[in-house]
């Protein structure tokens, strides 16, 4: 099992699948899954390759979900080895996507092969939902597959997303939810003029400054047992022409909310409008909702995964909702139990991304044990 997972991971890492390019990764997975009796559906949307593969029609259905696309490498000359030439050094497998998340994809497949070989007549069904649009805009990837499945009445009972969730030690963390992400582009309008004649102009920076201070100081909610309090942060701010003698006519602020289930996108928008209106600003906001929060209460899936992790690592994996967004936010619309589990996340999106070779057979065994708990 160890060598098979390692070799498949290396095969996938060797393909330059910088988002949204799949570069043939899914075809490698398809060959392995088709040999196991999976029905294969390729769902291409725009420049994005998506895969839905299913074996069996009976309930319960457990889905392995993930992505073949990776983030750009950054400066190649700062890598110790070529980012798309997998290399094992000092017990670590190096390459872009090693941890995020080609090791998980390889472990998914080998775990499924071993499970089916041992239990060809298992109960329930197994599926794979794979996209090449997780690291990019995420508009033609998993969300499109979920829309297709929903339209024909297909749902899942359990879903494991192979994101790299381990924080300090392999196996220490399972994500059972994620915060939502709501972004806004605020334009505040003033009147441009000569800086020596401020009475003839209207400076939007000065007018907006008190509102910014109030927005930054606002307690949006108190969070709850699963999510921290909602945060509001400015990411970009711009005004002016670049000249030192011109009062700007417009201020543009880009900001983001990361929020849990204690708030909704709608009430956050309303609160922002109430604050801005209280300062009589002339403004417009373009809103972008990247994902609503989702939460899987402790249940059969998290318990099965925790037991498998304990058996392989000796650790009691904690449930957590920290971090950014993931495609779990889309899958939660058709699946009541969605969790994420994968290797250490210390090097993801960094130069010299890597995963410990010794963790690969453990990861594979954890996925296999979870299948055994839920489908036997």
Protein backbone atom coordinates (compact mmCIF):
# COMPACT_ATOMS: atom_id res chain seq x y z
CA UNK A 1 0.00 0.00 0.00
CA UNK A 2 2.80 2.41 0.90
CA UNK A 3 4.55 2.13 -2.46
CA UNK A 4 1.31 2.25 -4.45
CA UNK A 5 0.17 5.45 -2.77
CA UNK A 6 3.60 7.03 -3.14
CA UNK A 7 3.87 6.12 -6.82
CA UNK A 8 0.40 7.45 -7.62
CA UNK A 9 1.10 10.67 -5.72
CA UNK A 10 4.34 11.12 -7.67
CA UNK A 11 2.53 10.46 -10.92
CA UNK A 12 0.01 13.20 -10.14
CA UNK A 13 2.61 15.67 -8.87
CA UNK A 14 4.54 15.19 -12.11
CA UNK A 15 1.74 16.86 -14.07
CA UNK A 16 1.68 20.66 -14.18
CA UNK A 17 -1.95 21.18 -13.23
CA UNK A 18 -1.77 24.86 -12.33
CA UNK A 19 -5.35 26.02 -11.89
CA UNK A 20 -7.61 25.60 -13.82
CA UNK A 21 -5.62 23.09 -15.89
CA UNK A 22 -6.07 19.42 -14.98
CA UNK A 23 -3.18 18.28 -17.22
CA UNK A 24 -4.40 14.68 -17.36
CA UNK A 25 -4.61 14.02 -13.63
CA UNK A 26 -8.26 13.04 -13.79
CA UNK A 27 -7.64 10.61 -16.61
CA UNK A 28 -5.15 8.79 -14.40
CA UNK A 29 -7.78 8.57 -11.66
CA UNK A 30 -10.43 7.49 -14.18
CA UNK A 31 -8.33 4.55 -15.35
CA UNK A 32 -7.96 3.29 -11.78
CA UNK A 33 -11.62 3.86 -10.88
CA UNK A 34 -13.04 2.38 -14.08
CA UNK A 35 -11.11 -0.81 -13.36
CA UNK A 36 -13.01 -1.01 -10.07
CA UNK A 37 -16.41 -0.77 -11.73
CA UNK A 38 -17.05 2.94 -11.24
CA UNK A 39 -19.38 4.66 -13.70
CA UNK A 40 -17.50 7.66 -15.06
CA UNK A 41 -18.98 11.06 -15.90
CA UNK A 42 -16.75 13.83 -17.20
CA UNK A 43 -18.33 17.24 -16.60
CA UNK A 44 -16.38 19.99 -18.32
CA UNK A 45 -17.50 23.57 -17.75
CA UNK A 46 -15.59 26.38 -19.44
CA UNK A 47 -11.88 25.67 -18.94
CA UNK A 48 -12.52 23.37 -15.99
CA UNK A 49 -12.44 19.57 -15.92
CA UNK A 50 -14.71 17.89 -13.39
CA UNK A 51 -15.19 14.22 -12.60
CA UNK A 52 -18.12 12.41 -11.02
CA UNK A 53 -17.51 8.70 -10.58
CA UNK A 54 -19.83 6.35 -8.72
CA UNK A 55 -19.82 2.67 -7.85
CA UNK A 56 -23.17 1.28 -6.75
CA UNK A 57 -26.63 2.80 -6.32
CA UNK A 58 -27.55 1.74 -2.80
CA UNK A 59 -27.42 3.92 0.30
CA UNK A 60 -25.45 5.04 2.11
CA UNK A 61 -23.27 6.89 -0.38
CA UNK A 62 -19.84 8.03 0.79
CA UNK A 63 -18.02 10.47 -1.47
CA UNK A 64 -14.34 11.31 -1.65
CA UNK A 65 -13.98 14.91 -2.90
CA UNK A 66 -10.95 16.88 -3.95
CA UNK A 67 -9.13 18.89 -6.58
CA UNK A 68 -6.36 18.23 -9.06
CA UNK A 69 -5.47 21.88 -9.64
CA UNK A 70 -2.64 23.53 -7.75
CA UNK A 71 -1.54 27.10 -7.11
CA UNK A 72 1.31 28.62 -9.17
CA UNK A 73 4.81 27.59 -8.14
CA UNK A 74 6.25 31.01 -7.43
CA UNK A 75 9.92 31.55 -8.30
CA UNK A 76 11.12 28.18 -9.61
CA UNK A 77 14.74 29.05 -8.90
CA UNK A 78 13.90 29.17 -5.19
CA UNK A 79 12.74 25.54 -5.14
CA UNK A 80 15.31 22.97 -4.10
CA UNK A 81 14.04 20.73 -6.92
CA UNK A 82 11.77 21.22 -9.92
CA UNK A 83 8.22 21.75 -8.57
CA UNK A 84 6.65 19.34 -11.08
CA UNK A 85 9.38 16.74 -10.80
CA UNK A 86 8.50 14.82 -7.63
CA UNK A 87 11.51 14.07 -5.48
CA UNK A 88 11.90 12.22 -2.19
CA UNK A 89 14.52 13.69 0.15
CA UNK A 90 15.03 12.98 3.83
CA UNK A 91 11.70 11.17 4.08
CA UNK A 92 9.72 13.95 2.42
CA UNK A 93 7.99 13.96 -0.98
CA UNK A 94 8.52 17.35 -2.61
CA UNK A 95 6.50 18.94 -5.41
CA UNK A 96 3.75 21.45 -6.01
CA UNK A 97 0.50 19.89 -4.84
CA UNK A 98 2.17 17.24 -2.69
CA UNK A 99 0.16 18.26 0.38
CA UNK A 100 -2.61 20.23 -1.32
CA UNK A 101 -3.86 17.80 -2.34
CA UNK A 102 -2.40 15.11 -4.57
CA UNK A 103 -1.31 12.92 -1.64
CA UNK A 104 -4.94 12.78 -0.54
CA UNK A 105 -6.14 11.94 -4.05
CA UNK A 106 -3.66 9.07 -4.27
CA UNK A 107 -4.70 7.84 -0.83
CA UNK A 108 -8.38 8.03 -1.77
CA UNK A 109 -7.81 5.78 -4.76
CA UNK A 110 -5.55 3.20 -3.10
CA UNK A 111 -7.83 3.03 -0.04
CA UNK A 112 -10.78 2.37 -2.33
CA UNK A 113 -8.88 -0.29 -4.29
CA UNK A 114 -7.92 -2.11 -1.10
CA UNK A 115 -11.41 -1.84 0.38
CA UNK A 116 -13.11 -3.21 -2.73
CA UNK A 117 -10.55 -6.00 -3.10
CA UNK A 118 -11.34 -7.13 0.45
CA UNK A 119 -15.09 -6.43 0.31
CA UNK A 120 -16.32 -6.59 -3.31
CA UNK A 121 -19.96 -6.96 -2.21
CA UNK A 122 -19.96 -4.17 0.34
CA UNK A 123 -23.11 -2.30 1.27
CA UNK A 124 -23.84 1.19 0.01
CA UNK A 125 -22.00 3.12 -2.68
CA UNK A 126 -18.74 5.02 -3.17
CA UNK A 127 -18.26 8.15 -5.26
CA UNK A 128 -15.50 10.53 -6.29
CA UNK A 129 -16.09 14.24 -6.98
CA UNK A 130 -12.94 15.78 -8.42
CA UNK A 131 -12.46 19.26 -9.92
CA UNK A 132 -9.67 21.38 -11.41
CA UNK A 133 -11.19 24.65 -10.15
CA UNK A 134 -10.70 24.77 -6.39
CA UNK A 135 -7.63 26.98 -6.25
CA UNK A 136 -9.07 29.44 -8.77
CA UNK A 137 -12.41 31.27 -8.97
CA UNK A 138 -14.29 28.07 -8.05
CA UNK A 139 -17.23 28.93 -10.30
CA UNK A 140 -17.05 26.08 -12.85
CA UNK A 141 -15.87 23.32 -10.56
CA UNK A 142 -17.48 21.52 -7.64
CA UNK A 143 -20.40 23.93 -7.55
CA UNK A 144 -21.34 22.91 -11.12
CA UNK A 145 -21.18 19.22 -10.30
CA UNK A 146 -23.34 19.77 -7.23
CA UNK A 147 -25.87 21.68 -9.33
CA UNK A 148 -26.01 18.80 -11.82
CA UNK A 149 -26.44 16.19 -9.10
CA UNK A 150 -29.07 18.28 -7.33
CA UNK A 151 -31.05 18.77 -10.53
CA UNK A 152 -31.40 15.02 -10.96
CA UNK A 153 -32.13 14.37 -7.30
CA UNK A 154 -28.80 12.80 -6.34
CA UNK A 155 -27.60 13.31 -2.78
CA UNK A 156 -24.80 11.98 -0.60
CA UNK A 157 -24.85 10.65 2.93
CA UNK A 158 -21.20 11.26 3.78
CA UNK A 159 -18.39 13.23 2.14
CA UNK A 160 -14.69 13.41 2.99
CA UNK A 161 -12.80 16.30 1.37
CA UNK A 162 -9.08 15.59 1.22
CA UNK A 163 -7.86 19.04 2.24
CA UNK A 164 -4.63 19.16 4.28
CA UNK A 165 -6.11 19.70 7.74
CA UNK A 166 -3.40 18.43 10.08
CA UNK A 167 -1.84 21.29 12.02
CA UNK A 168 0.99 20.20 14.33
CA UNK A 169 1.00 16.42 13.88
CA UNK A 170 -0.45 14.26 11.15
CA UNK A 171 -3.93 13.27 12.29
CA UNK A 172 -4.50 15.97 14.89
CA UNK A 173 -7.31 17.90 13.17
CA UNK A 174 -10.52 17.25 11.25
CA UNK A 175 -12.44 20.15 9.77
CA UNK A 176 -16.16 19.73 10.38
CA UNK A 177 -17.13 23.13 9.03
CA UNK A 178 -15.82 26.33 7.53
CA UNK A 179 -16.60 30.01 7.84
CA UNK A 180 -18.38 31.84 5.07
CA UNK A 181 -16.66 34.52 3.02
CA UNK A 182 -18.43 37.76 2.04
CA UNK A 183 -16.52 40.47 0.20
CA UNK A 184 -17.49 44.00 -0.68
CA UNK A 185 -16.15 46.71 -2.97
CA UNK A 186 -17.22 50.04 -1.51
CA UNK A 187 -17.14 53.22 -3.59
CA UNK A 188 -17.67 56.50 -1.75
CA UNK A 189 -18.26 59.51 -3.97
CA UNK A 190 -17.01 63.02 -3.26
CA UNK A 191 -16.09 66.02 -5.39
CA UNK A 192 -12.60 66.33 -6.85
CA UNK A 193 -10.89 69.70 -6.48
CA UNK A 194 -7.75 71.68 -5.82
CA UNK A 195 -6.24 70.91 -2.44
CA UNK A 196 -5.81 74.65 -1.75
CA UNK A 197 -9.58 75.21 -2.12
CA UNK A 198 -11.18 72.48 0.03
CA UNK A 199 -14.42 74.46 0.32
CA UNK A 200 -14.97 73.84 -3.39
CA UNK A 201 -14.42 70.09 -3.09
CA UNK A 202 -15.68 67.18 -1.02
CA UNK A 203 -13.05 64.77 0.24
CA UNK A 204 -14.44 61.20 0.42
CA UNK A 205 -11.49 60.01 2.51
CA UNK A 206 -12.26 62.50 5.28
CA UNK A 207 -15.97 61.79 5.08
CA UNK A 208 -15.50 58.02 5.28
CA UNK A 209 -12.83 57.88 7.98
CA UNK A 210 -15.30 57.89 10.92
CA UNK A 211 -17.35 55.16 9.25
CA UNK A 212 -14.21 53.06 8.74
CA UNK A 213 -13.36 53.43 12.41
CA UNK A 214 -16.85 52.30 13.41
CA UNK A 215 -16.83 49.35 11.02
CA UNK A 216 -13.46 48.24 12.38
CA UNK A 217 -14.66 48.54 15.99
CA UNK A 218 -18.02 46.83 15.51
CA UNK A 219 -18.70 43.49 17.20
CA UNK A 220 -20.61 41.76 14.44
CA UNK A 221 -21.50 38.73 16.56
CA UNK A 222 -20.12 36.74 19.48
CA UNK A 223 -19.56 33.52 17.54
CA UNK A 224 -20.78 30.25 19.00
CA UNK A 225 -19.54 26.87 20.17
CA UNK A 226 -18.17 26.01 16.71
CA UNK A 227 -17.17 29.34 15.15
CA UNK A 228 -15.23 32.38 16.42
CA UNK A 229 -16.72 35.86 16.26
CA UNK A 230 -17.13 37.32 12.78
CA UNK A 231 -14.28 39.51 11.56
CA UNK A 232 -14.28 42.46 9.13
CA UNK A 233 -11.03 43.41 7.43
CA UNK A 234 -10.01 45.92 4.78
CA UNK A 235 -7.80 44.34 2.13
CA UNK A 236 -7.31 47.31 -0.22
CA UNK A 237 -7.98 51.04 -0.10
CA UNK A 238 -7.40 53.65 -2.80
CA UNK A 239 -8.16 57.28 -3.53
CA UNK A 240 -6.58 60.09 -5.49
CA UNK A 241 -4.81 60.64 -8.77
CA UNK A 242 -1.27 60.36 -7.45
CA UNK A 243 -0.86 64.12 -7.47
CA UNK A 244 -0.22 65.89 -4.17
CA UNK A 245 -2.43 68.90 -4.94
CA UNK A 246 -5.70 67.17 -5.90
CA UNK A 247 -8.50 66.24 -3.51
CA UNK A 248 -9.81 62.84 -4.67
CA UNK A 249 -13.29 62.51 -6.07
CA UNK A 250 -13.74 58.86 -5.10
CA UNK A 251 -12.60 56.42 -2.42
CA UNK A 252 -12.54 52.68 -3.16
CA UNK A 253 -12.32 50.16 -0.32
CA UNK A 254 -12.23 46.39 -0.67
CA UNK A 255 -13.12 44.45 2.45
CA UNK A 256 -14.04 40.95 3.59
CA UNK A 257 -16.13 39.26 6.26
CA UNK A 258 -15.22 35.80 7.53
CA UNK A 259 -18.29 34.67 9.40
CA UNK A 260 -19.80 31.64 11.06
CA UNK A 261 -23.35 30.49 11.64
CA UNK A 262 -24.03 33.23 14.21
CA UNK A 263 -24.53 35.68 11.33
CA UNK A 264 -25.90 35.60 7.82
CA UNK A 265 -24.65 37.38 4.72
CA UNK A 266 -27.91 39.29 4.62
CA UNK A 267 -27.71 40.73 8.13
CA UNK A 268 -24.03 41.61 7.68
CA UNK A 269 -24.93 43.60 4.57
CA UNK A 270 -27.73 45.34 6.45
CA UNK A 271 -25.43 46.30 9.33
CA UNK A 272 -22.83 47.76 6.95
CA UNK A 273 -25.51 49.82 5.21
CA UNK A 274 -26.85 51.09 8.53
CA UNK A 275 -23.40 52.30 9.58
CA UNK A 276 -22.61 53.96 6.26
CA UNK A 277 -26.03 55.60 6.08
CA UNK A 278 -25.56 57.08 9.54
CA UNK A 279 -22.73 59.21 8.11
CA UNK A 280 -24.83 60.38 5.12
CA UNK A 281 -22.30 59.05 2.64
CA UNK A 282 -22.92 58.88 -1.10
CA UNK A 283 -21.80 55.33 -1.82
CA UNK A 284 -22.32 52.06 -3.68
CA UNK A 285 -21.27 48.52 -2.71
CA UNK A 286 -20.74 45.55 -5.00
CA UNK A 287 -21.05 42.38 -2.91
CA UNK A 288 -19.50 38.98 -3.63
CA UNK A 289 -20.55 35.95 -1.59
CA UNK A 290 -17.83 33.34 -2.09
CA UNK A 291 -19.42 30.82 0.22
CA UNK A 292 -21.82 30.48 3.11
CA UNK A 293 -20.63 28.81 6.31
CA UNK A 294 -21.31 25.12 6.79
CA UNK A 295 -21.19 22.94 9.86
CA UNK A 296 -21.40 19.18 10.33
CA UNK A 297 -22.44 18.30 13.85
CA UNK A 298 -20.52 15.38 15.41
CA UNK A 299 -22.02 12.19 13.99
CA UNK A 300 -21.35 8.90 12.22
CA UNK A 301 -18.82 10.31 9.76
CA UNK A 302 -16.70 12.29 12.19
CA UNK A 303 -16.79 9.42 14.69
CA UNK A 304 -15.72 6.88 12.08
CA UNK A 305 -12.88 9.13 10.93
CA UNK A 306 -11.74 9.87 14.47
CA UNK A 307 -11.68 6.14 15.29
CA UNK A 308 -9.64 5.43 12.14
CA UNK A 309 -7.17 8.20 12.97
CA UNK A 310 -6.82 6.90 16.52
CA UNK A 311 -6.12 3.39 15.25
CA UNK A 312 -3.40 4.55 12.85
CA UNK A 313 -1.76 7.40 14.77
CA UNK A 314 -2.82 7.09 18.39
CA UNK A 315 -4.12 10.68 18.30
CA UNK A 316 -7.53 11.97 19.31
CA UNK A 317 -8.32 14.20 16.34
CA UNK A 318 -9.99 17.50 17.25
CA UNK A 319 -12.91 18.91 15.28
CA UNK A 320 -12.20 22.43 14.00
CA UNK A 321 -13.74 25.08 11.74
CA UNK A 322 -10.67 27.32 11.43
CA UNK A 323 -8.99 28.35 8.20
CA UNK A 324 -10.27 29.54 4.86
CA UNK A 325 -13.01 28.24 2.63
CA UNK A 326 -13.09 24.90 0.82
CA UNK A 327 -15.34 23.13 -1.66
CA UNK A 328 -17.09 21.56 1.30
CA UNK A 329 -19.27 24.69 1.29
CA UNK A 330 -20.81 23.60 -2.01
CA UNK A 331 -21.12 19.90 -1.19
CA UNK A 332 -22.94 20.67 2.07
CA UNK A 333 -25.97 21.67 -0.04
CA UNK A 334 -26.60 18.01 -0.95
CA UNK A 335 -24.81 16.19 1.87
CA UNK A 336 -25.67 16.40 5.59
CA UNK A 337 -22.27 15.21 6.80
CA UNK A 338 -19.20 16.81 5.23
CA UNK A 339 -15.76 16.75 6.84
CA UNK A 340 -12.22 17.42 5.66
CA UNK A 341 -9.14 15.43 6.53
CA UNK A 342 -5.68 15.20 5.06
CA UNK A 343 -1.94 15.65 5.65
CA UNK A 344 0.00 18.42 7.37
CA UNK A 345 -0.72 21.88 6.00
CA UNK A 346 2.58 23.53 7.04
CA UNK A 347 3.95 23.84 3.48
CA UNK A 348 0.81 24.31 1.38
CA UNK A 349 1.04 27.12 -1.20
CA UNK A 350 4.68 27.64 -0.20
CA UNK A 351 7.96 27.09 -1.97
CA UNK A 352 9.23 23.51 -1.54
CA UNK A 353 5.80 22.11 -0.68
CA UNK A 354 6.11 18.59 0.69
CA UNK A 355 4.44 15.73 2.53
CA UNK A 356 5.99 13.09 4.76
CA UNK A 357 6.33 9.78 2.94
CA UNK A 358 5.63 7.92 6.19
CA UNK A 359 2.22 9.62 6.43
CA UNK A 360 1.00 8.29 3.08
CA UNK A 361 0.23 4.71 4.15
CA UNK A 362 -1.37 6.03 7.33
CA UNK A 363 -3.58 8.40 5.35
CA UNK A 364 -4.58 5.58 3.00
CA UNK A 365 -5.36 3.25 5.90
CA UNK A 366 -7.46 5.94 7.62
CA UNK A 367 -9.61 6.39 4.53
CA UNK A 368 -9.92 2.60 4.15
CA UNK A 369 -10.91 2.11 7.80
CA UNK A 370 -13.55 4.82 7.45
CA UNK A 371 -15.03 2.99 4.46
CA UNK A 372 -15.11 -0.21 6.49
CA UNK A 373 -16.94 1.46 9.38
CA UNK A 374 -19.56 3.10 7.21
CA UNK A 375 -20.13 0.45 4.52
CA UNK A 376 -19.76 -2.90 6.30
